[in-house]
Amino acid sequence: MRIGNWKLFPVETGRFALDGGAMFGVVPRTLWEKKNPPDERNRVPMALRALLARKVDQSGAFTGQNLLVDTGVGDKWSPKLADIYAVDHSQLSIERGLAEHGLKASDITQVLLTHLHFDHAGGATRKREDGSIVPTFENATYYVQKGNLEWARNPTEKDRASYLPENWEPLIEAGVLEVIEGQGEFLPGIELILSFGHTDAMQLPRFHDKGQSLLYCADLVPTASHIPIPWVMAYDNRPLVTIEEKKSILPRAAAEGWWLFFEHDIQGPAAQVVQGPKGFHAGVRSDLGSGSGDLAD
């Protein structure tokens, strides 16, 4: 999919699983399990999907500017925690995902972290054989919102387990983490929208040009099942704020034909939004490649 001067590609970095009740909050299991069947431990399989944005010139040739949005869980996991979250890199990894586009970690020039929860920022750093932890993308500048970094360093009891300092402190030590504050234009053709329901100052990039838009939803709308307004996660710190944010964004997305990019939906990366008599739901879906639902280059 091309929007403006950016060609956009989903990058599958692995799989993991989260408790179904936590993923769907007050929605009864009899409803959410129809499209999200849990395993014997009540865990729902989840994608760990990054977005690769490669800048192109007027001729459509790649310029060498390669932006990655989020990084998956990474591989710095103890066997116990890997089992709890069913972390699986046996078939998918960020290295393999980039290789499908002829890229290596060293080719990434910028990394936009929507927020610093482990399933979004875990792959930002890696552990070397000597045990030291270093930036995964050695030539990249990383970006995070000031408010989210401050929250990550002083989390609540509710979300402390989701913020692991090993995922961002080495970036600060290496001098590659740039802290930004506020929403608006991040780069030409990329607007940042801030969200405060899931956690503080989560930043959602919207790629836009001439009426075309793709919004990377992160954990505001983690899967297509979460498009309906009341379907919010128990993981959200402020679920009522999440609801208000969805009520603000989804009508515009439906009216303007935005694509929503889902970080955790194993059924596919993107869909448009439809507003029907019973509320919002997923409409046309796309794999962001060629075929039905794709935007022409």
C-alpha atoms as a PDB file:
ATOM      1  CA  MET A   1       0.000   0.000   0.000  1.00  0.00           C
ATOM      2  CA  ARG A   2       1.307   3.425  -0.899  1.00  0.00           C
ATOM      3  CA  ILE A   3       0.115   6.628   0.748  1.00  0.00           C
ATOM      4  CA  GLY A   4       1.903   9.736  -0.427  1.00  0.00           C
ATOM      5  CA  ASN A   5       5.654   9.200  -0.301  1.00  0.00           C
ATOM      6  CA  TRP A   6       5.398   6.158   1.933  1.00  0.00           C
ATOM      7  CA  LYS A   7       5.057   2.513   0.981  1.00  0.00           C
ATOM      8  CA  LEU A   8       3.573   0.591   3.875  1.00  0.00           C
ATOM      9  CA  PHE A   9       4.144  -3.063   4.712  1.00  0.00           C
ATOM     10  CA  PRO A  10       3.054  -5.196   7.683  1.00  0.00           C
ATOM     11  CA  VAL A  11       5.939  -6.955   9.415  1.00  0.00           C
ATOM     12  CA  GLU A  12       5.002  -9.996  11.489  1.00  0.00           C
ATOM     13  CA  THR A  13       7.434 -10.231  14.403  1.00  0.00           C
ATOM     14  CA  GLY A  14       6.013 -13.259  16.225  1.00  0.00           C
ATOM     15  CA  ARG A  15       3.006 -14.493  18.145  1.00  0.00           C
ATOM     16  CA  PHE A  16       1.974 -14.446  21.773  1.00  0.00           C
ATOM     17  CA  ALA A  17      -1.226 -14.887  23.775  1.00  0.00           C
ATOM     18  CA  LEU A  18      -3.119 -12.908  26.387  1.00  0.00           C
ATOM     19  CA  ASP A  19      -5.979 -13.758  28.707  1.00  0.00           C
ATOM     20  CA  GLY A  20      -9.268 -13.513  26.851  1.00  0.00           C
ATOM     21  CA  GLY A  21     -11.113 -11.893  29.724  1.00  0.00           C
ATOM     22  CA  ALA A  22      -8.463  -9.187  29.997  1.00  0.00           C
ATOM     23  CA  MET A  23      -8.497  -8.602  26.238  1.00  0.00           C
ATOM     24  CA  PHE A  24     -12.273  -8.070  26.091  1.00  0.00           C
ATOM     25  CA  GLY A  25     -13.101  -6.619  29.497  1.00  0.00           C
ATOM     26  CA  VAL A  26     -16.809  -6.673  30.316  1.00  0.00           C
ATOM     27  CA  VAL A  27     -17.794  -8.299  26.996  1.00  0.00           C
ATOM     28  CA  PRO A  28     -19.126 -11.804  27.778  1.00  0.00           C
ATOM     29  CA  ARG A  29     -16.993 -14.729  26.667  1.00  0.00           C
ATOM     30  CA  THR A  30     -19.941 -16.152  24.710  1.00  0.00           C
ATOM     31  CA  LEU A  31     -19.575 -13.150  22.393  1.00  0.00           C
ATOM     32  CA  TRP A  32     -15.820 -12.686  22.031  1.00  0.00           C
ATOM     33  CA  GLU A  33     -14.884 -16.369  21.741  1.00  0.00           C
ATOM     34  CA  LYS A  34     -16.828 -16.741  18.479  1.00  0.00           C
ATOM     35  CA  LYS A  35     -14.091 -14.936  16.532  1.00  0.00           C
ATOM     36  CA  ASN A  36     -11.328 -15.248  19.117  1.00  0.00           C
ATOM     37  CA  PRO A  37     -11.329 -18.838  20.411  1.00  0.00           C
ATOM     38  CA  PRO A  38      -9.126 -19.213  23.508  1.00  0.00           C
ATOM     39  CA  ASP A  39      -6.796 -22.065  24.356  1.00  0.00           C
ATOM     40  CA  GLU A  40      -7.157 -24.376  27.374  1.00  0.00           C
ATOM     41  CA  ARG A  41      -5.607 -21.648  29.571  1.00  0.00           C
ATOM     42  CA  ASN A  42      -8.148 -19.046  28.375  1.00  0.00           C
ATOM     43  CA  ARG A  43      -5.484 -17.280  26.309  1.00  0.00           C
ATOM     44  CA  VAL A  44      -6.313 -15.693  22.969  1.00  0.00           C
ATOM     45  CA  PRO A  45      -3.616 -15.925  20.266  1.00  0.00           C
ATOM     46  CA  MET A  46      -2.367 -12.499  19.245  1.00  0.00           C
ATOM     47  CA  ALA A  47      -0.279 -11.119  16.413  1.00  0.00           C
ATOM     48  CA  LEU A  48       2.793  -8.991  17.062  1.00  0.00           C
ATOM     49  CA  ARG A  49       2.608  -6.870  13.942  1.00  0.00           C
ATOM     50  CA  ALA A  50       4.889  -3.918  13.242  1.00  0.00           C
ATOM     51  CA  LEU A  51       4.483  -1.515  10.345  1.00  0.00           C
ATOM     52  CA  LEU A  52       7.345  -0.827   7.956  1.00  0.00           C
ATOM     53  CA  ALA A  53       7.115   2.519   6.167  1.00  0.00           C
ATOM     54  CA  ARG A  54       9.646   2.971   3.360  1.00  0.00           C
ATOM     55  CA  LYS A  55       9.940   6.427   1.840  1.00  0.00           C
ATOM     56  CA  VAL A  56       9.960   6.679  -1.949  1.00  0.00           C
ATOM     57  CA  ASP A  57      10.841   9.457  -4.359  1.00  0.00           C
ATOM     58  CA  GLN A  58       8.692  10.742  -7.216  1.00  0.00           C
ATOM     59  CA  SER A  59       9.695   7.812  -9.397  1.00  0.00           C
ATOM     60  CA  GLY A  60       8.669   5.337  -6.702  1.00  0.00           C
ATOM     61  CA  ALA A  61      12.236   4.310  -5.869  1.00  0.00           C
ATOM     62  CA  PHE A  62      13.157   3.725  -2.242  1.00  0.00           C
ATOM     63  CA  THR A  63      15.180   6.557  -0.713  1.00  0.00           C
ATOM     64  CA  GLY A  64      16.778   4.573   2.116  1.00  0.00           C
ATOM     65  CA  GLN A  65      14.573   6.085   4.831  1.00  0.00           C
ATOM     66  CA  ASN A  66      12.953   3.141   6.607  1.00  0.00           C
ATOM     67  CA  LEU A  67      10.615   3.781   9.523  1.00  0.00           C
ATOM     68  CA  LEU A  68       9.435   0.959  11.772  1.00  0.00           C
ATOM     69  CA  VAL A  69       6.381   1.399  13.997  1.00  0.00           C
ATOM     70  CA  ASP A  70       6.664  -0.792  17.128  1.00  0.00           C
ATOM     71  CA  THR A  71       8.920  -3.821  17.501  1.00  0.00           C
ATOM     72  CA  GLY A  72       7.073  -6.782  19.025  1.00  0.00           C
ATOM     73  CA  VAL A  73       8.049  -8.516  22.282  1.00  0.00           C
ATOM     74  CA  GLY A  74      11.696  -9.205  21.476  1.00  0.00           C
ATOM     75  CA  ASP A  75      13.626 -12.241  22.672  1.00  0.00           C
ATOM     76  CA  LYS A  76      14.821 -11.246  26.156  1.00  0.00           C
ATOM     77  CA  TRP A  77      12.420 -13.645  27.867  1.00  0.00           C
ATOM     78  CA  SER A  78      12.906 -16.158  30.649  1.00  0.00           C
ATOM     79  CA  PRO A  79      11.380 -19.582  29.947  1.00  0.00           C
ATOM     80  CA  LYS A  80       8.773 -18.965  32.670  1.00  0.00           C
ATOM     81  CA  LEU A  81       7.511 -15.680  31.227  1.00  0.00           C
ATOM     82  CA  ALA A  82       7.715 -16.969  27.662  1.00  0.00           C
ATOM     83  CA  ASP A  83       5.394 -19.802  28.727  1.00  0.00           C
ATOM     84  CA  ILE A  84       2.963 -17.470  30.511  1.00  0.00           C
ATOM     85  CA  TYR A  85       2.564 -15.313  27.414  1.00  0.00           C
ATOM     86  CA  ALA A  86       3.009 -18.138  24.864  1.00  0.00           C
ATOM     87  CA  VAL A  87       5.775 -16.168  23.146  1.00  0.00           C
ATOM     88  CA  ASP A  88       6.481 -17.867  19.833  1.00  0.00           C
ATOM     89  CA  HIS A  89       9.191 -16.937  17.325  1.00  0.00           C
ATOM     90  CA  SER A  90       9.431 -20.363  15.734  1.00  0.00           C
ATOM     91  CA  GLN A  91       7.883 -19.187  12.449  1.00  0.00           C
ATOM     92  CA  LEU A  92       7.900 -15.391  12.689  1.00  0.00           C
ATOM     93  CA  SER A  93      10.472 -12.887  13.877  1.00  0.00           C
ATOM     94  CA  ILE A  94      11.355  -9.290  13.197  1.00  0.00           C
ATOM     95  CA  GLU A  95      14.515 -10.379  11.396  1.00  0.00           C
ATOM     96  CA  ARG A  96      12.561 -12.660   9.063  1.00  0.00           C
ATOM     97  CA  GLY A  97       9.891 -10.018   8.558  1.00  0.00           C
ATOM     98  CA  LEU A  98      12.440  -7.409   7.479  1.00  0.00           C
ATOM     99  CA  ALA A  99      14.285  -9.931   5.324  1.00  0.00           C
ATOM    100  CA  GLU A 100      11.114 -10.398   3.263  1.00  0.00           C
ATOM    101  CA  HIS A 101      11.684  -6.804   2.140  1.00  0.00           C
ATOM    102  CA  GLY A 102      15.407  -7.220   1.613  1.00  0.00           C
ATOM    103  CA  LEU A 103      16.247  -5.367   4.812  1.00  0.00           C
ATOM    104  CA  LYS A 104      18.279  -5.983   7.950  1.00  0.00           C
ATOM    105  CA  ALA A 105      17.996  -4.366  11.365  1.00  0.00           C
ATOM    106  CA  SER A 106      20.845  -2.031  10.403  1.00  0.00           C
ATOM    107  CA  ASP A 107      18.734  -0.664   7.504  1.00  0.00           C
ATOM    108  CA  ILE A 108      16.073   0.809   9.813  1.00  0.00           C
ATOM    109  CA  THR A 109      16.608   4.551  10.196  1.00  0.00           C
ATOM    110  CA  GLN A 110      13.763   5.427  12.592  1.00  0.00           C
ATOM    111  CA  VAL A 111      11.667   3.527  15.112  1.00  0.00           C
ATOM    112  CA  LEU A 112       8.406   5.036  16.355  1.00  0.00           C
ATOM    113  CA  LEU A 113       7.284   3.415  19.604  1.00  0.00           C
ATOM    114  CA  THR A 114       3.564   3.883  20.178  1.00  0.00           C
ATOM    115  CA  HIS A 115       4.143   3.182  23.879  1.00  0.00           C
ATOM    116  CA  LEU A 116       6.576   1.230  26.025  1.00  0.00           C
ATOM    117  CA  HIS A 117       4.554  -1.857  26.970  1.00  0.00           C
ATOM    118  CA  PHE A 118       6.628  -4.998  26.470  1.00  0.00           C
ATOM    119  CA  ASP A 119       4.633  -6.264  23.489  1.00  0.00           C
ATOM    120  CA  HIS A 120       5.282  -3.022  21.604  1.00  0.00           C
ATOM    121  CA  ALA A 121       8.791  -2.056  22.697  1.00  0.00           C
ATOM    122  CA  GLY A 122      10.340  -5.402  23.675  1.00  0.00           C
ATOM    123  CA  GLY A 123      12.056  -5.778  20.326  1.00  0.00           C
ATOM    124  CA  ALA A 124      13.615  -2.313  20.575  1.00  0.00           C
ATOM    125  CA  THR A 125      16.600  -3.808  22.399  1.00  0.00           C
ATOM    126  CA  ARG A 126      18.418  -7.128  22.261  1.00  0.00           C
ATOM    127  CA  LYS A 127      20.704  -9.070  24.557  1.00  0.00           C
ATOM    128  CA  ARG A 128      24.233  -9.795  23.353  1.00  0.00           C
ATOM    129  CA  GLU A 129      26.178 -12.948  24.172  1.00  0.00           C
ATOM    130  CA  ASP A 130      27.982 -11.158  27.000  1.00  0.00           C
ATOM    131  CA  GLY A 131      24.627 -10.334  28.626  1.00  0.00           C
ATOM    132  CA  SER A 132      24.643  -6.627  27.796  1.00  0.00           C
ATOM    133  CA  ILE A 133      21.507  -5.100  26.303  1.00  0.00           C
ATOM    134  CA  VAL A 134      21.843  -2.808  23.304  1.00  0.00           C
ATOM    135  CA  PRO A 135      19.577  -1.185  20.682  1.00  0.00           C
ATOM    136  CA  THR A 136      18.343  -3.722  18.137  1.00  0.00           C
ATOM    137  CA  PHE A 137      18.397  -1.181  15.298  1.00  0.00           C
ATOM    138  CA  GLU A 138      21.882   0.239  15.627  1.00  0.00           C
ATOM    139  CA  ASN A 139      21.500   2.946  12.997  1.00  0.00           C
ATOM    140  CA  ALA A 140      18.046   4.138  14.036  1.00  0.00           C
ATOM    141  CA  THR A 141      16.740   7.017  16.086  1.00  0.00           C
ATOM    142  CA  TYR A 142      13.895   5.919  18.350  1.00  0.00           C
ATOM    143  CA  TYR A 143      10.925   8.133  19.261  1.00  0.00           C
ATOM    144  CA  VAL A 144       8.540   8.004  22.208  1.00  0.00           C
ATOM    145  CA  GLN A 145       6.195  10.471  23.839  1.00  0.00           C
ATOM    146  CA  LYS A 146       7.497  12.249  26.951  1.00  0.00           C
ATOM    147  CA  GLY A 147       4.321  11.431  28.857  1.00  0.00           C
ATOM    148  CA  ASN A 148       4.603   7.720  28.145  1.00  0.00           C
ATOM    149  CA  LEU A 149       8.262   7.548  29.146  1.00  0.00           C
ATOM    150  CA  GLU A 150       7.432   9.293  32.411  1.00  0.00           C
ATOM    151  CA  TRP A 151       4.559   6.870  33.010  1.00  0.00           C
ATOM    152  CA  ALA A 152       6.739   3.870  32.156  1.00  0.00           C
ATOM    153  CA  ARG A 153       9.296   4.961  34.744  1.00  0.00           C
ATOM    154  CA  ASN A 154       6.579   5.414  37.382  1.00  0.00           C
ATOM    155  CA  PRO A 155       3.819   2.951  36.507  1.00  0.00           C
ATOM    156  CA  THR A 156       0.844   2.033  38.661  1.00  0.00           C
ATOM    157  CA  GLU A 157       0.407  -1.296  40.382  1.00  0.00           C
ATOM    158  CA  LYS A 158      -2.087  -2.151  37.638  1.00  0.00           C
ATOM    159  CA  ASP A 159       0.343  -1.920  34.720  1.00  0.00           C
ATOM    160  CA  ARG A 160       3.777  -2.288  36.304  1.00  0.00           C
ATOM    161  CA  ALA A 161       4.282  -5.746  34.826  1.00  0.00           C
ATOM    162  CA  SER A 162       3.858  -4.356  31.291  1.00  0.00           C
ATOM    163  CA  TYR A 163       6.692  -1.817  31.594  1.00  0.00           C
ATOM    164  CA  LEU A 164      10.146  -3.412  31.582  1.00  0.00           C
ATOM    165  CA  PRO A 165      13.045  -0.907  31.810  1.00  0.00           C
ATOM    166  CA  GLU A 166      15.340  -3.184  29.791  1.00  0.00           C
ATOM    167  CA  ASN A 167      13.264  -2.238  26.751  1.00  0.00           C
ATOM    168  CA  TRP A 168      14.008   1.494  26.841  1.00  0.00           C
ATOM    169  CA  GLU A 169      16.735   2.411  29.343  1.00  0.00           C
ATOM    170  CA  PRO A 170      19.490   0.997  27.076  1.00  0.00           C
ATOM    171  CA  LEU A 171      18.184   3.282  24.320  1.00  0.00           C
ATOM    172  CA  ILE A 172      18.622   6.282  26.601  1.00  0.00           C
ATOM    173  CA  GLU A 173      22.097   5.120  27.614  1.00  0.00           C
ATOM    174  CA  ALA A 174      23.043   4.769  23.952  1.00  0.00           C
ATOM    175  CA  GLY A 175      21.730   8.268  23.178  1.00  0.00           C
ATOM    176  CA  VAL A 176      19.302   7.057  20.498  1.00  0.00           C
ATOM    177  CA  LEU A 177      15.931   7.716  22.170  1.00  0.00           C
ATOM    178  CA  GLU A 178      14.370  11.028  21.235  1.00  0.00           C
ATOM    179  CA  VAL A 179      11.540  12.202  23.454  1.00  0.00           C
ATOM    180  CA  ILE A 180       8.780  14.124  21.723  1.00  0.00           C
ATOM    181  CA  GLU A 181       5.798  15.859  23.230  1.00  0.00           C
ATOM    182  CA  GLY A 182       2.348  16.424  21.815  1.00  0.00           C
ATOM    183  CA  GLN A 183       0.476  15.454  18.690  1.00  0.00           C
ATOM    184  CA  GLY A 184       0.634  16.839  15.180  1.00  0.00           C
ATOM    185  CA  GLU A 185       2.850  16.259  12.158  1.00  0.00           C
ATOM    186  CA  PHE A 186       5.746  13.912  12.970  1.00  0.00           C
ATOM    187  CA  LEU A 187       7.154  13.666   9.459  1.00  0.00           C
ATOM    188  CA  PRO A 188       5.654  14.908   6.166  1.00  0.00           C
ATOM    189  CA  GLY A 189       2.592  12.735   5.590  1.00  0.00           C
ATOM    190  CA  ILE A 190       2.584  11.281   9.127  1.00  0.00           C
ATOM    191  CA  GLU A 191       0.376  12.780  11.835  1.00  0.00           C
ATOM    192  CA  LEU A 192       0.565  11.655  15.458  1.00  0.00           C
ATOM    193  CA  ILE A 193      -2.707  11.251  17.365  1.00  0.00           C
ATOM    194  CA  LEU A 194      -2.381  10.880  21.135  1.00  0.00           C
ATOM    195  CA  SER A 195      -4.467   8.476  23.194  1.00  0.00           C
ATOM    196  CA  PHE A 196      -4.729   8.342  27.000  1.00  0.00           C
ATOM    197  CA  GLY A 197      -7.228   5.555  27.715  1.00  0.00           C
ATOM    198  CA  HIS A 198      -4.976   2.516  27.446  1.00  0.00           C
ATOM    199  CA  THR A 199      -1.968   4.211  29.000  1.00  0.00           C
ATOM    200  CA  ASP A 200      -0.590   7.715  29.182  1.00  0.00           C
ATOM    201  CA  ALA A 201       0.389   9.421  25.909  1.00  0.00           C
ATOM    202  CA  MET A 202       0.178   6.491  23.493  1.00  0.00           C
ATOM    203  CA  GLN A 203       0.968   7.863  20.028  1.00  0.00           C
ATOM    204  CA  LEU A 204      -0.853   6.591  16.943  1.00  0.00           C
ATOM    205  CA  PRO A 205       0.656   7.504  13.555  1.00  0.00           C
ATOM    206  CA  ARG A 206      -1.767   8.342  10.760  1.00  0.00           C
ATOM    207  CA  PHE A 207      -0.301   8.172   7.263  1.00  0.00           C
ATOM    208  CA  HIS A 208      -2.256  10.511   5.020  1.00  0.00           C
ATOM    209  CA  ASP A 209      -2.239  12.029   1.547  1.00  0.00           C
ATOM    210  CA  LYS A 210      -4.960  13.346  -0.770  1.00  0.00           C
ATOM    211  CA  GLY A 211      -7.871  11.794   1.081  1.00  0.00           C
ATOM    212  CA  GLN A 212      -6.111   8.484   1.800  1.00  0.00           C
ATOM    213  CA  SER A 213      -5.352   7.536   5.399  1.00  0.00           C
ATOM    214  CA  LEU A 214      -4.046   4.603   7.406  1.00  0.00           C
ATOM    215  CA  LEU A 215      -4.101   4.759  11.204  1.00  0.00           C
ATOM    216  CA  TYR A 216      -1.821   2.474  13.203  1.00  0.00           C
ATOM    217  CA  CYS A 217      -4.186   1.736  16.082  1.00  0.00           C
ATOM    218  CA  ALA A 218      -1.784   0.113  18.571  1.00  0.00           C
ATOM    219  CA  ASP A 219      -3.892  -0.695  21.651  1.00  0.00           C
ATOM    220  CA  LEU A 220      -6.729   1.739  21.038  1.00  0.00           C
ATOM    221  CA  VAL A 221      -8.202  -0.829  18.611  1.00  0.00           C
ATOM    222  CA  PRO A 222      -5.867  -3.841  18.884  1.00  0.00           C
ATOM    223  CA  THR A 223      -7.987  -6.153  16.720  1.00  0.00           C
ATOM    224  CA  ALA A 224     -10.955  -5.817  14.395  1.00  0.00           C
ATOM    225  CA  SER A 225     -13.081  -7.299  17.187  1.00  0.00           C
ATOM    226  CA  HIS A 226     -12.357  -4.169  19.220  1.00  0.00           C
ATOM    227  CA  ILE A 227     -13.897  -1.770  16.717  1.00  0.00           C
ATOM    228  CA  PRO A 228     -17.342  -1.646  18.424  1.00  0.00           C
ATOM    229  CA  ILE A 229     -17.356   1.197  20.942  1.00  0.00           C
ATOM    230  CA  PRO A 230     -18.007  -0.864  24.123  1.00  0.00           C
ATOM    231  CA  TRP A 231     -15.369  -3.487  23.280  1.00  0.00           C
ATOM    232  CA  VAL A 232     -12.429  -2.216  25.332  1.00  0.00           C
ATOM    233  CA  MET A 233      -9.728  -4.092  27.201  1.00  0.00           C
ATOM    234  CA  ALA A 234      -9.480  -4.650  30.919  1.00  0.00           C
ATOM    235  CA  TYR A 235      -5.829  -3.763  30.403  1.00  0.00           C
ATOM    236  CA  ASP A 236      -6.858  -0.138  29.770  1.00  0.00           C
ATOM    237  CA  ASN A 237      -6.022   2.168  32.668  1.00  0.00           C
ATOM    238  CA  ARG A 238      -8.933   4.460  31.805  1.00  0.00           C
ATOM    239  CA  PRO A 239     -11.553   2.440  29.897  1.00  0.00           C
ATOM    240  CA  LEU A 240     -14.075   5.278  29.807  1.00  0.00           C
ATOM    241  CA  VAL A 241     -11.452   7.494  28.186  1.00  0.00           C
ATOM    242  CA  THR A 242     -10.800   4.753  25.616  1.00  0.00           C
ATOM    243  CA  ILE A 243     -14.508   4.763  24.811  1.00  0.00           C
ATOM    244  CA  GLU A 244     -14.548   8.524  24.330  1.00  0.00           C
ATOM    245  CA  GLU A 245     -11.463   8.362  22.123  1.00  0.00           C
ATOM    246  CA  LYS A 246     -13.070   5.700  19.935  1.00  0.00           C
ATOM    247  CA  LYS A 247     -16.232   7.807  19.720  1.00  0.00           C
ATOM    248  CA  SER A 248     -14.073  10.668  18.464  1.00  0.00           C
ATOM    249  CA  ILE A 249     -11.932   8.757  15.959  1.00  0.00           C
ATOM    250  CA  LEU A 250     -14.197   6.063  14.493  1.00  0.00           C
ATOM    251  CA  PRO A 251     -16.866   8.347  12.983  1.00  0.00           C
ATOM    252  CA  ARG A 252     -14.177  10.268  11.115  1.00  0.00           C
ATOM    253  CA  ALA A 253     -12.453   7.046  10.055  1.00  0.00           C
ATOM    254  CA  ALA A 254     -15.741   5.687   8.680  1.00  0.00           C
ATOM    255  CA  ALA A 255     -16.689   8.938   6.930  1.00  0.00           C
ATOM    256  CA  GLU A 256     -13.276   9.428   5.326  1.00  0.00           C
ATOM    257  CA  GLY A 257     -12.534   5.800   4.467  1.00  0.00           C
ATOM    258  CA  TRP A 258      -9.489   5.378   6.684  1.00  0.00           C
ATOM    259  CA  TRP A 259      -7.722   2.045   6.936  1.00  0.00           C
ATOM    260  CA  LEU A 260      -7.197   0.845  10.499  1.00  0.00           C
ATOM    261  CA  PHE A 261      -3.997  -1.135  11.055  1.00  0.00           C
ATOM    262  CA  PHE A 262      -4.301  -3.829  13.735  1.00  0.00           C
ATOM    263  CA  GLU A 263      -1.210  -4.729  15.706  1.00  0.00           C
ATOM    264  CA  HIS A 264      -2.670  -7.828  17.399  1.00  0.00           C
ATOM    265  CA  ASP A 265      -5.266  -9.287  15.009  1.00  0.00           C
ATOM    266  CA  ILE A 266      -4.123 -12.695  13.745  1.00  0.00           C
ATOM    267  CA  GLN A 267      -6.763 -12.600  10.992  1.00  0.00           C
ATOM    268  CA  GLY A 268      -5.115  -9.758   9.118  1.00  0.00           C
ATOM    269  CA  PRO A 269      -3.488  -6.356   9.306  1.00  0.00           C
ATOM    270  CA  ALA A 270      -6.067  -3.825   8.166  1.00  0.00           C
ATOM    271  CA  ALA A 271      -9.717  -3.007   7.593  1.00  0.00           C
ATOM    272  CA  GLN A 272     -11.925  -0.061   6.885  1.00  0.00           C
ATOM    273  CA  VAL A 273     -14.653   0.965   9.316  1.00  0.00           C
ATOM    274  CA  VAL A 274     -18.379   0.767   8.650  1.00  0.00           C
ATOM    275  CA  GLN A 275     -21.037   2.512  10.714  1.00  0.00           C
ATOM    276  CA  GLY A 276     -24.221   0.495  10.735  1.00  0.00           C
ATOM    277  CA  PRO A 277     -27.487   0.590  12.693  1.00  0.00           C
ATOM    278  CA  LYS A 278     -25.846  -1.306  15.572  1.00  0.00           C
ATOM    279  CA  GLY A 279     -22.653   0.738  15.635  1.00  0.00           C
ATOM    280  CA  PHE A 280     -19.210   0.417  14.113  1.00  0.00           C
ATOM    281  CA  HIS A 281     -17.709  -2.764  12.700  1.00  0.00           C
ATOM    282  CA  ALA A 282     -15.024  -3.885  10.269  1.00  0.00           C
ATOM    283  CA  GLY A 283     -15.795  -3.551   6.586  1.00  0.00           C
ATOM    284  CA  VAL A 284     -13.451  -4.292   3.698  1.00  0.00           C
ATOM    285  CA  ARG A 285     -10.233  -5.935   4.882  1.00  0.00           C
ATOM    286  CA  SER A 286      -6.783  -5.743   3.293  1.00  0.00           C
ATOM    287  CA  ASP A 287      -3.430  -7.464   3.665  1.00  0.00           C
ATOM    288  CA  LEU A 288      -1.897  -4.153   2.406  1.00  0.00           C
ATOM    289  CA  GLY A 289      -0.531  -6.004  -0.587  1.00  0.00           C
ATOM    290  CA  SER A 290      -2.028  -6.462  -4.030  1.00  0.00           C
ATOM    291  CA  GLY A 291      -5.600  -7.551  -4.362  1.00  0.00           C
ATOM    292  CA  SER A 292      -8.996  -6.613  -3.016  1.00  0.00           C
ATOM    293  CA  GLY A 293      -9.021  -3.648  -0.733  1.00  0.00           C
ATOM    294  CA  ASP A 294      -5.540  -2.474  -1.647  1.00  0.00           C
ATOM    295  CA  LEU A 295      -4.792   1.140  -2.466  1.00  0.00           C
ATOM    296  CA  ALA A 296      -3.061   1.498  -5.801  1.00  0.00           C
ATOM    297  CA  ASP A 297       0.542   2.643  -5.915  1.00  0.00           C
END
